[in-house]
């Protein structure tokens, strides 16, 4: 059985670009307008129950426990073993959040593994 290399179609590339930009954009929004903005932080810590404060609490809990980086690393490892668009998308989302939300080391390794998912041995010549 011949093993074909993992290649993306142009539509899949466009989909991944959109997912990547939306993920990093939302992570930047959370970081700079919810987590680091002092007025929002003080209001949320004082007990304000808005969706922004709940998102801030969830994101803070997840990045303090390195969930974004660990999830990105696990998904990227699975993608190297068996490449698929679903794993690539999940890894891109987790790594995008991890890079922006303070899980840089694990997410950076995961991005490297996601890139290595495209590397396959050259076909044997007869």
PDB file of N, CA and C in Angstrom:
ATOM      1  N   UNK A   1       0.836  -1.174   0.000  1.00  0.00           N
ATOM      2  CA  UNK A   1       0.000   0.000   0.000  1.00  0.00           C
ATOM      3  C   UNK A   1       0.889   1.248   0.000  1.00  0.00           C
ATOM      4  N   UNK A   2       0.636   2.114  -0.937  1.00  0.00           N
ATOM      5  CA  UNK A   2       1.438   3.322  -1.084  1.00  0.00           C
ATOM      6  C   UNK A   2       0.935   4.392  -0.122  1.00  0.00           C
ATOM      7  N   UNK A   3       1.861   4.999   0.581  1.00  0.00           N
ATOM      8  CA  UNK A   3       1.520   6.050   1.534  1.00  0.00           C
ATOM      9  C   UNK A   3       1.688   7.398   0.849  1.00  0.00           C
ATOM     10  N   UNK A   4       0.603   8.115   0.686  1.00  0.00           N
ATOM     11  CA  UNK A   4       0.680   9.420   0.030  1.00  0.00           C
ATOM     12  C   UNK A   4       1.028  10.491   1.062  1.00  0.00           C
ATOM     13  N   UNK A   5       1.773  11.500   0.662  1.00  0.00           N
ATOM     14  CA  UNK A   5       2.145  12.558   1.605  1.00  0.00           C
ATOM     15  C   UNK A   5       0.931  13.410   1.977  1.00  0.00           C
ATOM     16  N   UNK A   6       1.019  14.011   3.146  1.00  0.00           N
ATOM     17  CA  UNK A   6      -0.053  14.873   3.631  1.00  0.00           C
ATOM     18  C   UNK A   6       0.083  16.233   2.967  1.00  0.00           C
ATOM     19  N   UNK A   7      -0.873  16.569   2.137  1.00  0.00           N
ATOM     20  CA  UNK A   7      -0.873  17.862   1.446  1.00  0.00           C
ATOM     21  C   UNK A   7      -2.218  18.539   1.657  1.00  0.00           C
ATOM     22  N   UNK A   8      -2.162  19.848   1.800  1.00  0.00           N
ATOM     23  CA  UNK A   8      -3.380  20.624   1.995  1.00  0.00           C
ATOM     24  C   UNK A   8      -3.878  21.162   0.662  1.00  0.00           C
ATOM     25  N   UNK A   9      -5.203  21.193   0.524  1.00  0.00           N
ATOM     26  CA  UNK A   9      -5.794  21.829  -0.648  1.00  0.00           C
ATOM     27  C   UNK A   9      -5.807  23.341  -0.411  1.00  0.00           C
ATOM     28  N   UNK A  10      -5.989  24.128  -1.461  1.00  0.00           N
ATOM     29  CA  UNK A  10      -6.061  25.587  -1.252  1.00  0.00           C
ATOM     30  C   UNK A  10      -7.200  26.001  -0.311  1.00  0.00           C
ATOM     31  N   UNK A  11      -8.325  25.288  -0.344  1.00  0.00           N
ATOM     32  CA  UNK A  11      -9.430  25.620   0.553  1.00  0.00           C
ATOM     33  C   UNK A  11      -9.068  25.336   2.009  1.00  0.00           C
ATOM     34  N   UNK A  12      -8.332  24.276   2.244  1.00  0.00           N
ATOM     35  CA  UNK A  12      -7.902  23.971   3.602  1.00  0.00           C
ATOM     36  C   UNK A  12      -6.896  24.998   4.106  1.00  0.00           C
ATOM     37  N   UNK A  13      -6.030  25.468   3.233  1.00  0.00           N
ATOM     38  CA  UNK A  13      -5.068  26.508   3.619  1.00  0.00           C
ATOM     39  C   UNK A  13      -5.807  27.789   3.996  1.00  0.00           C
ATOM     40  N   UNK A  14      -6.806  28.166   3.205  1.00  0.00           N
ATOM     41  CA  UNK A  14      -7.593  29.359   3.519  1.00  0.00           C
ATOM     42  C   UNK A  14      -8.329  29.189   4.842  1.00  0.00           C
ATOM     43  N   UNK A  15      -8.878  28.001   5.074  1.00  0.00           N
ATOM     44  CA  UNK A  15      -9.568  27.721   6.328  1.00  0.00           C
ATOM     45  C   UNK A  15      -8.607  27.846   7.512  1.00  0.00           C
ATOM     46  N   UNK A  16      -7.414  27.286   7.380  1.00  0.00           N
ATOM     47  CA  UNK A  16      -6.433  27.365   8.459  1.00  0.00           C
ATOM     48  C   UNK A  16      -5.960  28.796   8.701  1.00  0.00           C
ATOM     49  N   UNK A  17      -5.838  29.588   7.640  1.00  0.00           N
ATOM     50  CA  UNK A  17      -5.480  30.999   7.809  1.00  0.00           C
ATOM     51  C   UNK A  17      -6.544  31.745   8.604  1.00  0.00           C
ATOM     52  N   UNK A  18      -7.808  31.516   8.263  1.00  0.00           N
ATOM     53  CA  UNK A  18      -8.901  32.177   8.982  1.00  0.00           C
ATOM     54  C   UNK A  18      -8.920  31.737  10.438  1.00  0.00           C
ATOM     55  N   UNK A  19      -8.815  30.433  10.676  1.00  0.00           N
ATOM     56  CA  UNK A  19      -8.821  29.916  12.046  1.00  0.00           C
ATOM     57  C   UNK A  19      -7.638  30.473  12.837  1.00  0.00           C
ATOM     58  N   UNK A  20      -6.473  30.511  12.234  1.00  0.00           N
ATOM     59  CA  UNK A  20      -5.291  31.024  12.917  1.00  0.00           C
ATOM     60  C   UNK A  20      -5.414  32.493  13.288  1.00  0.00           C
ATOM     61  N   UNK A  21      -5.875  33.311  12.346  1.00  0.00           N
ATOM     62  CA  UNK A  21      -6.018  34.741  12.634  1.00  0.00           C
ATOM     63  C   UNK A  21      -7.102  35.008  13.675  1.00  0.00           C
ATOM     64  N   UNK A  22      -8.212  34.288  13.607  1.00  0.00           N
ATOM     65  CA  UNK A  22      -9.282  34.469  14.597  1.00  0.00           C
ATOM     66  C   UNK A  22      -8.802  34.039  15.982  1.00  0.00           C
ATOM     67  N   UNK A  23      -8.097  32.919  16.054  1.00  0.00           N
ATOM     68  CA  UNK A  23      -7.592  32.428  17.336  1.00  0.00           C
ATOM     69  C   UNK A  23      -6.608  33.406  17.966  1.00  0.00           C
ATOM     70  N   UNK A  24      -5.629  33.837  17.208  1.00  0.00           N
ATOM     71  CA  UNK A  24      -4.636  34.766  17.746  1.00  0.00           C
ATOM     72  C   UNK A  24      -5.286  36.116  18.057  1.00  0.00           C
ATOM     73  N   UNK A  25      -6.231  36.550  17.236  1.00  0.00           N
ATOM     74  CA  UNK A  25      -6.936  37.802  17.505  1.00  0.00           C
ATOM     75  C   UNK A  25      -7.723  37.757  18.800  1.00  0.00           C
ATOM     76  N   UNK A  26      -8.444  36.653  19.036  1.00  0.00           N
ATOM     77  CA  UNK A  26      -9.208  36.539  20.278  1.00  0.00           C
ATOM     78  C   UNK A  26      -8.274  36.412  21.477  1.00  0.00           C
ATOM     79  N   UNK A  27      -7.164  35.705  21.309  1.00  0.00           N
ATOM     80  CA  UNK A  27      -6.202  35.587  22.405  1.00  0.00           C
ATOM     81  C   UNK A  27      -5.586  36.947  22.738  1.00  0.00           C
ATOM     82  N   UNK A  28      -5.278  37.745  21.712  1.00  0.00           N
ATOM     83  CA  UNK A  28      -4.767  39.098  21.955  1.00  0.00           C
ATOM     84  C   UNK A  28      -5.809  39.962  22.650  1.00  0.00           C
ATOM     85  N   UNK A  29      -7.081  39.829  22.238  1.00  0.00           N
ATOM     86  CA  UNK A  29      -8.170  40.556  22.886  1.00  0.00           C
ATOM     87  C   UNK A  29      -8.243  40.184  24.364  1.00  0.00           C
ATOM     88  N   UNK A  30      -8.198  38.887  24.658  1.00  0.00           N
ATOM     89  CA  UNK A  30      -8.256  38.456  26.053  1.00  0.00           C
ATOM     90  C   UNK A  30      -7.056  38.964  26.850  1.00  0.00           C
ATOM     91  N   UNK A  31      -5.888  38.868  26.259  1.00  0.00           N
ATOM     92  CA  UNK A  31      -4.683  39.248  26.999  1.00  0.00           C
ATOM     93  C   UNK A  31      -4.640  40.737  27.303  1.00  0.00           C
ATOM     94  N   UNK A  32      -4.844  41.569  26.286  1.00  0.00           N
ATOM     95  CA  UNK A  32      -4.634  43.003  26.473  1.00  0.00           C
ATOM     96  C   UNK A  32      -5.877  43.772  26.913  1.00  0.00           C
ATOM     97  N   UNK A  33      -7.070  43.245  26.687  1.00  0.00           N
ATOM     98  CA  UNK A  33      -8.269  43.975  27.093  1.00  0.00           C
ATOM     99  C   UNK A  33      -9.026  43.316  28.236  1.00  0.00           C
ATOM    100  N   UNK A  34      -8.597  42.140  28.691  1.00  0.00           N
ATOM    101  CA  UNK A  34      -9.277  41.510  29.814  1.00  0.00           C
ATOM    102  C   UNK A  34      -8.303  41.148  30.934  1.00  0.00           C
ATOM    103  N   UNK A  35      -7.184  40.559  30.592  1.00  0.00           N
ATOM    104  CA  UNK A  35      -6.265  40.078  31.628  1.00  0.00           C
ATOM    105  C   UNK A  35      -5.355  41.197  32.127  1.00  0.00           C
ATOM    106  N   UNK A  36      -4.737  41.949  31.226  1.00  0.00           N
ATOM    107  CA  UNK A  36      -3.743  42.942  31.636  1.00  0.00           C
ATOM    108  C   UNK A  36      -4.311  44.340  31.869  1.00  0.00           C
ATOM    109  N   UNK A  37      -5.506  44.631  31.422  1.00  0.00           N
ATOM    110  CA  UNK A  37      -6.088  45.959  31.623  1.00  0.00           C
ATOM    111  C   UNK A  37      -6.508  46.094  33.090  1.00  0.00           C
ATOM    112  N   UNK A  38      -5.922  47.049  33.780  1.00  0.00           N
ATOM    113  CA  UNK A  38      -6.093  47.129  35.231  1.00  0.00           C
ATOM    114  C   UNK A  38      -7.526  47.433  35.657  1.00  0.00           C
ATOM    115  N   UNK A  39      -8.249  48.256  34.905  1.00  0.00           N
ATOM    116  CA  UNK A  39      -9.622  48.574  35.312  1.00  0.00           C
ATOM    117  C   UNK A  39     -10.522  47.344  35.217  1.00  0.00           C
ATOM    118  N   UNK A  40     -10.353  46.563  34.173  1.00  0.00           N
ATOM    119  CA  UNK A  40     -11.142  45.334  34.029  1.00  0.00           C
ATOM    120  C   UNK A  40     -10.730  44.327  35.094  1.00  0.00           C
ATOM    121  N   UNK A  41      -9.436  44.219  35.351  1.00  0.00           N
ATOM    122  CA  UNK A  41      -8.954  43.274  36.361  1.00  0.00           C
ATOM    123  C   UNK A  41      -9.504  43.620  37.739  1.00  0.00           C
ATOM    124  N   UNK A  42      -9.504  44.904  38.085  1.00  0.00           N
ATOM    125  CA  UNK A  42     -10.032  45.310  39.390  1.00  0.00           C
ATOM    126  C   UNK A  42     -11.530  45.062  39.488  1.00  0.00           C
ATOM    127  N   UNK A  43     -12.258  45.347  38.415  1.00  0.00           N
ATOM    128  CA  UNK A  43     -13.704  45.125  38.432  1.00  0.00           C
ATOM    129  C   UNK A  43     -14.025  43.636  38.539  1.00  0.00           C
ATOM    130  N   UNK A  44     -13.307  42.816  37.800  1.00  0.00           N
ATOM    131  CA  UNK A  44     -13.563  41.370  37.845  1.00  0.00           C
ATOM    132  C   UNK A  44     -13.165  40.783  39.191  1.00  0.00           C
ATOM    133  N   UNK A  45     -12.059  41.250  39.750  1.00  0.00           N
ATOM    134  CA  UNK A  45     -11.632  40.759  41.059  1.00  0.00           C
ATOM    135  C   UNK A  45     -12.569  41.217  42.166  1.00  0.00           C
ATOM    136  N   UNK A  46     -13.284  42.325  41.945  1.00  0.00           N
ATOM    137  CA  UNK A  46     -14.239  42.817  42.931  1.00  0.00           C
ATOM    138  C   UNK A  46     -15.556  42.051  42.893  1.00  0.00           C
ATOM    139  N   UNK A  47     -15.752  41.202  41.879  1.00  0.00           N
ATOM    140  CA  UNK A  47     -16.949  40.372  41.857  1.00  0.00           C
ATOM    141  C   UNK A  47     -17.901  40.635  40.713  1.00  0.00           C
ATOM    142  N   UNK A  48     -17.499  41.404  39.728  1.00  0.00           N
ATOM    143  CA  UNK A  48     -18.357  41.658  38.572  1.00  0.00           C
ATOM    144  C   UNK A  48     -18.575  40.356  37.808  1.00  0.00           C
ATOM    145  N   UNK A  49     -19.826  40.033  37.502  1.00  0.00           N
ATOM    146  CA  UNK A  49     -20.161  38.764  36.841  1.00  0.00           C
ATOM    147  C   UNK A  49     -20.611  39.013  35.406  1.00  0.00           C
ATOM    148  N   UNK A  50     -19.680  39.351  34.552  1.00  0.00           N
ATOM    149  CA  UNK A  50     -19.982  39.515  33.134  1.00  0.00           C
ATOM    150  C   UNK A  50     -19.303  38.391  32.355  1.00  0.00           C
ATOM    151  N   UNK A  51     -19.653  38.290  31.092  1.00  0.00           N
ATOM    152  CA  UNK A  51     -19.042  37.259  30.255  1.00  0.00           C
ATOM    153  C   UNK A  51     -17.541  37.505  30.098  1.00  0.00           C
ATOM    154  N   UNK A  52     -17.133  38.761  30.041  1.00  0.00           N
ATOM    155  CA  UNK A  52     -15.715  39.085  29.939  1.00  0.00           C
ATOM    156  C   UNK A  52     -14.963  38.613  31.179  1.00  0.00           C
ATOM    157  N   UNK A  53     -15.545  38.817  32.350  1.00  0.00           N
ATOM    158  CA  UNK A  53     -14.883  38.382  33.585  1.00  0.00           C
ATOM    159  C   UNK A  53     -14.810  36.862  33.671  1.00  0.00           C
ATOM    160  N   UNK A  54     -15.845  36.197  33.208  1.00  0.00           N
ATOM    161  CA  UNK A  54     -15.818  34.729  33.216  1.00  0.00           C
ATOM    162  C   UNK A  54     -14.785  34.204  32.223  1.00  0.00           C
ATOM    163  N   UNK A  55     -14.690  34.843  31.056  1.00  0.00           N
ATOM    164  CA  UNK A  55     -13.666  34.457  30.080  1.00  0.00           C
ATOM    165  C   UNK A  55     -12.275  34.727  30.638  1.00  0.00           C
ATOM    166  N   UNK A  56     -12.116  35.835  31.328  1.00  0.00           N
ATOM    167  CA  UNK A  56     -10.834  36.180  31.944  1.00  0.00           C
ATOM    168  C   UNK A  56     -10.440  35.156  32.996  1.00  0.00           C
ATOM    169  N   UNK A  57     -11.400  34.761  33.833  1.00  0.00           N
ATOM    170  CA  UNK A  57     -11.125  33.768  34.869  1.00  0.00           C
ATOM    171  C   UNK A  57     -10.743  32.422  34.262  1.00  0.00           C
ATOM    172  N   UNK A  58     -11.484  31.998  33.241  1.00  0.00           N
ATOM    173  CA  UNK A  58     -11.192  30.726  32.583  1.00  0.00           C
ATOM    174  C   UNK A  58      -9.824  30.754  31.907  1.00  0.00           C
ATOM    175  N   UNK A  59      -9.543  31.811  31.159  1.00  0.00           N
ATOM    176  CA  UNK A  59      -8.256  31.910  30.465  1.00  0.00           C
ATOM    177  C   UNK A  59      -7.101  31.952  31.461  1.00  0.00           C
ATOM    178  N   UNK A  60      -7.276  32.670  32.553  1.00  0.00           N
ATOM    179  CA  UNK A  60      -6.227  32.754  33.569  1.00  0.00           C
ATOM    180  C   UNK A  60      -5.964  31.391  34.194  1.00  0.00           C
ATOM    181  N   UNK A  61      -7.022  30.666  34.515  1.00  0.00           N
ATOM    182  CA  UNK A  61      -6.865  29.324  35.086  1.00  0.00           C
ATOM    183  C   UNK A  61      -6.153  28.397  34.105  1.00  0.00           C
ATOM    184  N   UNK A  62      -6.548  28.466  32.835  1.00  0.00           N
ATOM    185  CA  UNK A  62      -5.961  27.570  31.839  1.00  0.00           C
ATOM    186  C   UNK A  62      -4.489  27.882  31.586  1.00  0.00           C
ATOM    187  N   UNK A  63      -4.115  29.156  31.486  1.00  0.00           N
ATOM    188  CA  UNK A  63      -2.704  29.424  31.196  1.00  0.00           C
ATOM    189  C   UNK A  63      -1.824  29.265  32.425  1.00  0.00           C
ATOM    190  N   UNK A  64      -2.361  29.430  33.626  1.00  0.00           N
ATOM    191  CA  UNK A  64      -1.547  29.188  34.821  1.00  0.00           C
ATOM    192  C   UNK A  64      -1.198  27.711  34.965  1.00  0.00           C
ATOM    193  N   UNK A  65      -2.061  26.840  34.480  1.00  0.00           N
ATOM    194  CA  UNK A  65      -1.811  25.401  34.544  1.00  0.00           C
ATOM    195  C   UNK A  65      -1.246  24.847  33.241  1.00  0.00           C
ATOM    196  N   UNK A  66      -0.818  25.697  32.340  1.00  0.00           N
ATOM    197  CA  UNK A  66      -0.202  25.334  31.049  1.00  0.00           C
ATOM    198  C   UNK A  66      -1.072  24.415  30.205  1.00  0.00           C
ATOM    199  N   UNK A  67      -2.373  24.583  30.286  1.00  0.00           N
ATOM    200  CA  UNK A  67      -3.289  23.717  29.533  1.00  0.00           C
ATOM    201  C   UNK A  67      -3.152  23.956  28.036  1.00  0.00           C
ATOM    202  N   UNK A  68      -3.002  25.207  27.622  1.00  0.00           N
ATOM    203  CA  UNK A  68      -2.867  25.503  26.189  1.00  0.00           C
ATOM    204  C   UNK A  68      -1.611  24.854  25.614  1.00  0.00           C
ATOM    205  N   UNK A  69      -0.507  24.976  26.308  1.00  0.00           N
ATOM    206  CA  UNK A  69       0.744  24.402  25.828  1.00  0.00           C
ATOM    207  C   UNK A  69       0.730  22.885  25.816  1.00  0.00           C
ATOM    208  N   UNK A  70       0.198  22.276  26.868  1.00  0.00           N
ATOM    209  CA  UNK A  70       0.144  20.815  26.937  1.00  0.00           C
ATOM    210  C   UNK A  70      -0.792  20.265  25.875  1.00  0.00           C
ATOM    211  N   UNK A  71      -1.961  20.890  25.720  1.00  0.00           N
ATOM    212  CA  UNK A  71      -2.906  20.431  24.688  1.00  0.00           C
ATOM    213  C   UNK A  71      -2.302  20.574  23.297  1.00  0.00           C
ATOM    214  N   UNK A  72      -1.633  21.683  23.044  1.00  0.00           N
ATOM    215  CA  UNK A  72      -1.004  21.885  21.733  1.00  0.00           C
ATOM    216  C   UNK A  72       0.074  20.841  21.482  1.00  0.00           C
ATOM    217  N   UNK A  73       0.851  20.517  22.503  1.00  0.00           N
ATOM    218  CA  UNK A  73       1.916  19.526  22.355  1.00  0.00           C
ATOM    219  C   UNK A  73       1.357  18.128  22.103  1.00  0.00           C
ATOM    220  N   UNK A  74       0.297  17.755  22.796  1.00  0.00           N
ATOM    221  CA  UNK A  74      -0.323  16.438  22.591  1.00  0.00           C
ATOM    222  C   UNK A  74      -0.919  16.342  21.192  1.00  0.00           C
ATOM    223  N   UNK A  75      -1.652  17.370  20.789  1.00  0.00           N
ATOM    224  CA  UNK A  75      -2.274  17.350  19.461  1.00  0.00           C
ATOM    225  C   UNK A  75      -1.207  17.344  18.368  1.00  0.00           C
ATOM    226  N   UNK A  76      -0.136  18.105  18.559  1.00  0.00           N
ATOM    227  CA  UNK A  76       0.933  18.144  17.554  1.00  0.00           C
ATOM    228  C   UNK A  76       1.643  16.797  17.449  1.00  0.00           C
ATOM    229  N   UNK A  77       1.823  16.118  18.569  1.00  0.00           N
ATOM    230  CA  UNK A  77       2.438  14.788  18.537  1.00  0.00           C
ATOM    231  C   UNK A  77       1.554  13.810  17.779  1.00  0.00           C
ATOM    232  N   UNK A  78       0.251  13.871  18.021  1.00  0.00           N
ATOM    233  CA  UNK A  78      -0.678  13.022  17.271  1.00  0.00           C
ATOM    234  C   UNK A  78      -0.653  13.362  15.786  1.00  0.00           C
ATOM    235  N   UNK A  79      -0.504  14.643  15.477  1.00  0.00           N
ATOM    236  CA  UNK A  79      -0.459  15.069  14.076  1.00  0.00           C
ATOM    237  C   UNK A  79       0.794  14.546  13.372  1.00  0.00           C
ATOM    238  N   UNK A  80       1.902  14.470  14.081  1.00  0.00           N
ATOM    239  CA  UNK A  80       3.121  13.927  13.477  1.00  0.00           C
ATOM    240  C   UNK A  80       2.942  12.435  13.183  1.00  0.00           C
ATOM    241  N   UNK A  81       2.286  11.733  14.105  1.00  0.00           N
ATOM    242  CA  UNK A  81       2.085  10.295  13.904  1.00  0.00           C
ATOM    243  C   UNK A  81       1.082   9.998  12.791  1.00  0.00           C
ATOM    244  N   UNK A  82       0.009  10.754  12.754  1.00  0.00           N
ATOM    245  CA  UNK A  82      -1.044  10.529  11.760  1.00  0.00           C
ATOM    246  C   UNK A  82      -1.617  11.880  11.337  1.00  0.00           C
ATOM    247  N   UNK A  83      -1.058  12.506  10.317  1.00  0.00           N
ATOM    248  CA  UNK A  83      -1.485  13.853   9.928  1.00  0.00           C
ATOM    249  C   UNK A  83      -2.932  13.895   9.435  1.00  0.00           C
ATOM    250  N   UNK A  84      -3.649  14.908   9.878  1.00  0.00           N
ATOM    251  CA  UNK A  84      -5.003  15.159   9.385  1.00  0.00           C
ATOM    252  C   UNK A  84      -5.312  16.642   9.562  1.00  0.00           C
ATOM    253  N   UNK A  85      -6.288  17.103   8.821  1.00  0.00           N
ATOM    254  CA  UNK A  85      -6.671  18.512   8.895  1.00  0.00           C
ATOM    255  C   UNK A  85      -7.306  18.836  10.249  1.00  0.00           C
ATOM    256  N   UNK A  86      -7.986  17.870  10.844  1.00  0.00           N
ATOM    257  CA  UNK A  86      -8.627  18.088  12.144  1.00  0.00           C
ATOM    258  C   UNK A  86      -7.569  18.305  13.228  1.00  0.00           C
ATOM    259  N   UNK A  87      -6.560  17.444  13.250  1.00  0.00           N
ATOM    260  CA  UNK A  87      -5.491  17.605  14.241  1.00  0.00           C
ATOM    261  C   UNK A  87      -4.692  18.880  13.994  1.00  0.00           C
ATOM    262  N   UNK A  88      -4.463  19.205  12.742  1.00  0.00           N
ATOM    263  CA  UNK A  88      -3.735  20.427  12.418  1.00  0.00           C
ATOM    264  C   UNK A  88      -4.511  21.657  12.888  1.00  0.00           C
ATOM    265  N   UNK A  89      -5.817  21.651  12.694  1.00  0.00           N
ATOM    266  CA  UNK A  89      -6.647  22.775  13.139  1.00  0.00           C
ATOM    267  C   UNK A  89      -6.659  22.881  14.660  1.00  0.00           C
ATOM    268  N   UNK A  90      -6.855  21.760  15.340  1.00  0.00           N
ATOM    269  CA  UNK A  90      -6.851  21.770  16.804  1.00  0.00           C
ATOM    270  C   UNK A  90      -5.518  22.210  17.374  1.00  0.00           C
ATOM    271  N   UNK A  91      -4.440  21.721  16.782  1.00  0.00           N
ATOM    272  CA  UNK A  91      -3.116  22.124  17.236  1.00  0.00           C
ATOM    273  C   UNK A  91      -2.843  23.595  16.992  1.00  0.00           C
ATOM    274  N   UNK A  92      -3.320  24.102  15.865  1.00  0.00           N
ATOM    275  CA  UNK A  92      -3.150  25.522  15.550  1.00  0.00           C
ATOM    276  C   UNK A  92      -3.910  26.400  16.543  1.00  0.00           C
ATOM    277  N   UNK A  93      -5.112  25.984  16.904  1.00  0.00           N
ATOM    278  CA  UNK A  93      -5.907  26.745  17.875  1.00  0.00           C
ATOM    279  C   UNK A  93      -5.226  26.744  19.243  1.00  0.00           C
ATOM    280  N   UNK A  94      -4.854  25.558  19.721  1.00  0.00           N
ATOM    281  CA  UNK A  94      -4.224  25.465  21.044  1.00  0.00           C
ATOM    282  C   UNK A  94      -2.884  26.201  21.075  1.00  0.00           C
ATOM    283  N   UNK A  95      -2.093  26.062  20.020  1.00  0.00           N
ATOM    284  CA  UNK A  95      -0.792  26.736  19.985  1.00  0.00           C
ATOM    285  C   UNK A  95      -0.953  28.248  19.858  1.00  0.00           C
ATOM    286  N   UNK A  96      -1.948  28.698  19.107  1.00  0.00           N
ATOM    287  CA  UNK A  96      -2.193  30.135  18.991  1.00  0.00           C
ATOM    288  C   UNK A  96      -2.546  30.759  20.326  1.00  0.00           C
ATOM    289  N   UNK A  97      -3.438  30.098  21.069  1.00  0.00           N
ATOM    290  CA  UNK A  97      -3.759  30.587  22.409  1.00  0.00           C
ATOM    291  C   UNK A  97      -2.539  30.508  23.323  1.00  0.00           C
ATOM    292  N   UNK A  98      -1.788  29.422  23.223  1.00  0.00           N
ATOM    293  CA  UNK A  98      -0.641  29.234  24.100  1.00  0.00           C
ATOM    294  C   UNK A  98       0.461  30.247  23.871  1.00  0.00           C
ATOM    295  N   UNK A  99       0.732  30.577  22.617  1.00  0.00           N
ATOM    296  CA  UNK A  99       1.783  31.557  22.317  1.00  0.00           C
ATOM    297  C   UNK A  99       1.421  32.924  22.888  1.00  0.00           C
ATOM    298  N   UNK A 100       0.185  33.332  22.727  1.00  0.00           N
ATOM    299  CA  UNK A 100      -0.219  34.664  23.195  1.00  0.00           C
ATOM    300  C   UNK A 100      -0.436  34.684  24.706  1.00  0.00           C
ATOM    301  N   UNK A 101      -0.947  33.581  25.263  1.00  0.00           N
ATOM    302  CA  UNK A 101      -1.298  33.562  26.684  1.00  0.00           C
ATOM    303  C   UNK A 101      -0.249  32.841  27.534  1.00  0.00           C
ATOM    304  N   UNK A 102       0.996  33.185  27.358  1.00  0.00           N
ATOM    305  CA  UNK A 102       2.078  32.871  28.291  1.00  0.00           C
ATOM    306  C   UNK A 102       2.518  31.409  28.349  1.00  0.00           C
ATOM    307  N   UNK A 103       2.107  30.538  27.444  1.00  0.00           N
ATOM    308  CA  UNK A 103       2.621  29.161  27.385  1.00  0.00           C
ATOM    309  C   UNK A 103       3.539  29.027  26.177  1.00  0.00           C
ATOM    310  N   UNK A 104       4.560  29.861  26.123  1.00  0.00           N
ATOM    311  CA  UNK A 104       5.361  30.018  24.917  1.00  0.00           C
ATOM    312  C   UNK A 104       6.209  28.787  24.614  1.00  0.00           C
ATOM    313  N   UNK A 105       6.863  28.213  25.609  1.00  0.00           N
ATOM    314  CA  UNK A 105       7.803  27.117  25.349  1.00  0.00           C
ATOM    315  C   UNK A 105       7.095  25.893  24.784  1.00  0.00           C
ATOM    316  N   UNK A 106       6.059  25.432  25.466  1.00  0.00           N
ATOM    317  CA  UNK A 106       5.351  24.236  24.995  1.00  0.00           C
ATOM    318  C   UNK A 106       4.657  24.488  23.664  1.00  0.00           C
ATOM    319  N   UNK A 107       4.072  25.656  23.505  1.00  0.00           N
ATOM    320  CA  UNK A 107       3.383  25.961  22.252  1.00  0.00           C
ATOM    321  C   UNK A 107       4.364  26.119  21.099  1.00  0.00           C
ATOM    322  N   UNK A 108       5.537  26.645  21.366  1.00  0.00           N
ATOM    323  CA  UNK A 108       6.558  26.754  20.320  1.00  0.00           C
ATOM    324  C   UNK A 108       7.028  25.396  19.839  1.00  0.00           C
ATOM    325  N   UNK A 109       7.223  24.474  20.774  1.00  0.00           N
ATOM    326  CA  UNK A 109       7.583  23.106  20.391  1.00  0.00           C
ATOM    327  C   UNK A 109       6.454  22.475  19.588  1.00  0.00           C
ATOM    328  N   UNK A 110       5.214  22.733  19.998  1.00  0.00           N
ATOM    329  CA  UNK A 110       4.064  22.177  19.281  1.00  0.00           C
ATOM    330  C   UNK A 110       3.985  22.712  17.856  1.00  0.00           C
ATOM    331  N   UNK A 111       4.268  23.986  17.666  1.00  0.00           N
ATOM    332  CA  UNK A 111       4.244  24.549  16.311  1.00  0.00           C
ATOM    333  C   UNK A 111       5.327  23.899  15.452  1.00  0.00           C
ATOM    334  N   UNK A 112       6.494  23.668  16.041  1.00  0.00           N
ATOM    335  CA  UNK A 112       7.544  22.954  15.315  1.00  0.00           C
ATOM    336  C   UNK A 112       7.114  21.553  14.918  1.00  0.00           C
ATOM    337  N   UNK A 113       6.431  20.851  15.811  1.00  0.00           N
ATOM    338  CA  UNK A 113       5.935  19.512  15.486  1.00  0.00           C
ATOM    339  C   UNK A 113       4.838  19.555  14.430  1.00  0.00           C
ATOM    340  N   UNK A 114       3.993  20.583  14.474  1.00  0.00           N
ATOM    341  CA  UNK A 114       2.956  20.708  13.441  1.00  0.00           C
ATOM    342  C   UNK A 114       3.589  20.887  12.063  1.00  0.00           C
ATOM    343  N   UNK A 115       4.667  21.643  12.005  1.00  0.00           N
ATOM    344  CA  UNK A 115       5.374  21.817  10.730  1.00  0.00           C
ATOM    345  C   UNK A 115       6.016  20.504  10.297  1.00  0.00           C
ATOM    346  N   UNK A 116       6.566  19.761  11.261  1.00  0.00           N
ATOM    347  CA  UNK A 116       7.183  18.476  10.928  1.00  0.00           C
ATOM    348  C   UNK A 116       6.162  17.448  10.447  1.00  0.00           C
ATOM    349  N   UNK A 117       4.891  17.677  10.727  1.00  0.00           N
ATOM    350  CA  UNK A 117       3.854  16.771  10.236  1.00  0.00           C
ATOM    351  C   UNK A 117       3.781  16.726   8.723  1.00  0.00           C
ATOM    352  N   UNK A 118       4.326  17.747   8.061  1.00  0.00           N
ATOM    353  CA  UNK A 118       4.337  17.767   6.595  1.00  0.00           C
ATOM    354  C   UNK A 118       5.543  17.023   6.029  1.00  0.00           C
ATOM    355  N   UNK A 119       6.530  16.722   6.841  1.00  0.00           N
ATOM    356  CA  UNK A 119       7.745  16.058   6.365  1.00  0.00           C
ATOM    357  C   UNK A 119       7.514  14.554   6.313  1.00  0.00           C
ATOM    358  N   UNK A 120       7.653  14.007   5.168  1.00  0.00           N
ATOM    359  CA  UNK A 120       7.507  12.560   4.964  1.00  0.00           C
ATOM    360  C   UNK A 120       8.705  12.074   4.177  1.00  0.00           C
ATOM    361  N   UNK A 121       9.082  10.799   4.352  1.00  0.00           N
ATOM    362  CA  UNK A 121      10.219  10.287   3.587  1.00  0.00           C
ATOM    363  C   UNK A 121       9.941  10.294   2.090  1.00  0.00           C
ATOM    364  N   UNK A 122      10.985  10.482   1.339  1.00  0.00           N
ATOM    365  CA  UNK A 122      10.859  10.476  -0.123  1.00  0.00           C
ATOM    366  C   UNK A 122      10.478   9.073  -0.588  1.00  0.00           C
ATOM    367  N   UNK A 123       9.678   8.986  -1.639  1.00  0.00           N
ATOM    368  CA  UNK A 123       9.297   7.664  -2.132  1.00  0.00           C
ATOM    369  C   UNK A 123      10.517   6.902  -2.650  1.00  0.00           C
ATOM    370  N   UNK A 124      10.507   5.619  -2.414  1.00  0.00           N
ATOM    371  CA  UNK A 124      11.623   4.775  -2.852  1.00  0.00           C
ATOM    372  C   UNK A 124      11.604   4.635  -4.370  1.00  0.00           C
ATOM    373  N   UNK A 125      12.770   4.736  -4.970  1.00  0.00           N
ATOM    374  CA  UNK A 125      12.864   4.565  -6.423  1.00  0.00           C
ATOM    375  C   UNK A 125      13.318   3.148  -6.730  1.00  0.00           C
ATOM    376  N   UNK A 126      12.802   2.624  -7.818  1.00  0.00           N
ATOM    377  CA  UNK A 126      13.136   1.242  -8.174  1.00  0.00           C
ATOM    378  C   UNK A 126      14.359   1.146  -9.028  1.00  0.00           C
TER     379      UNK A 126
END
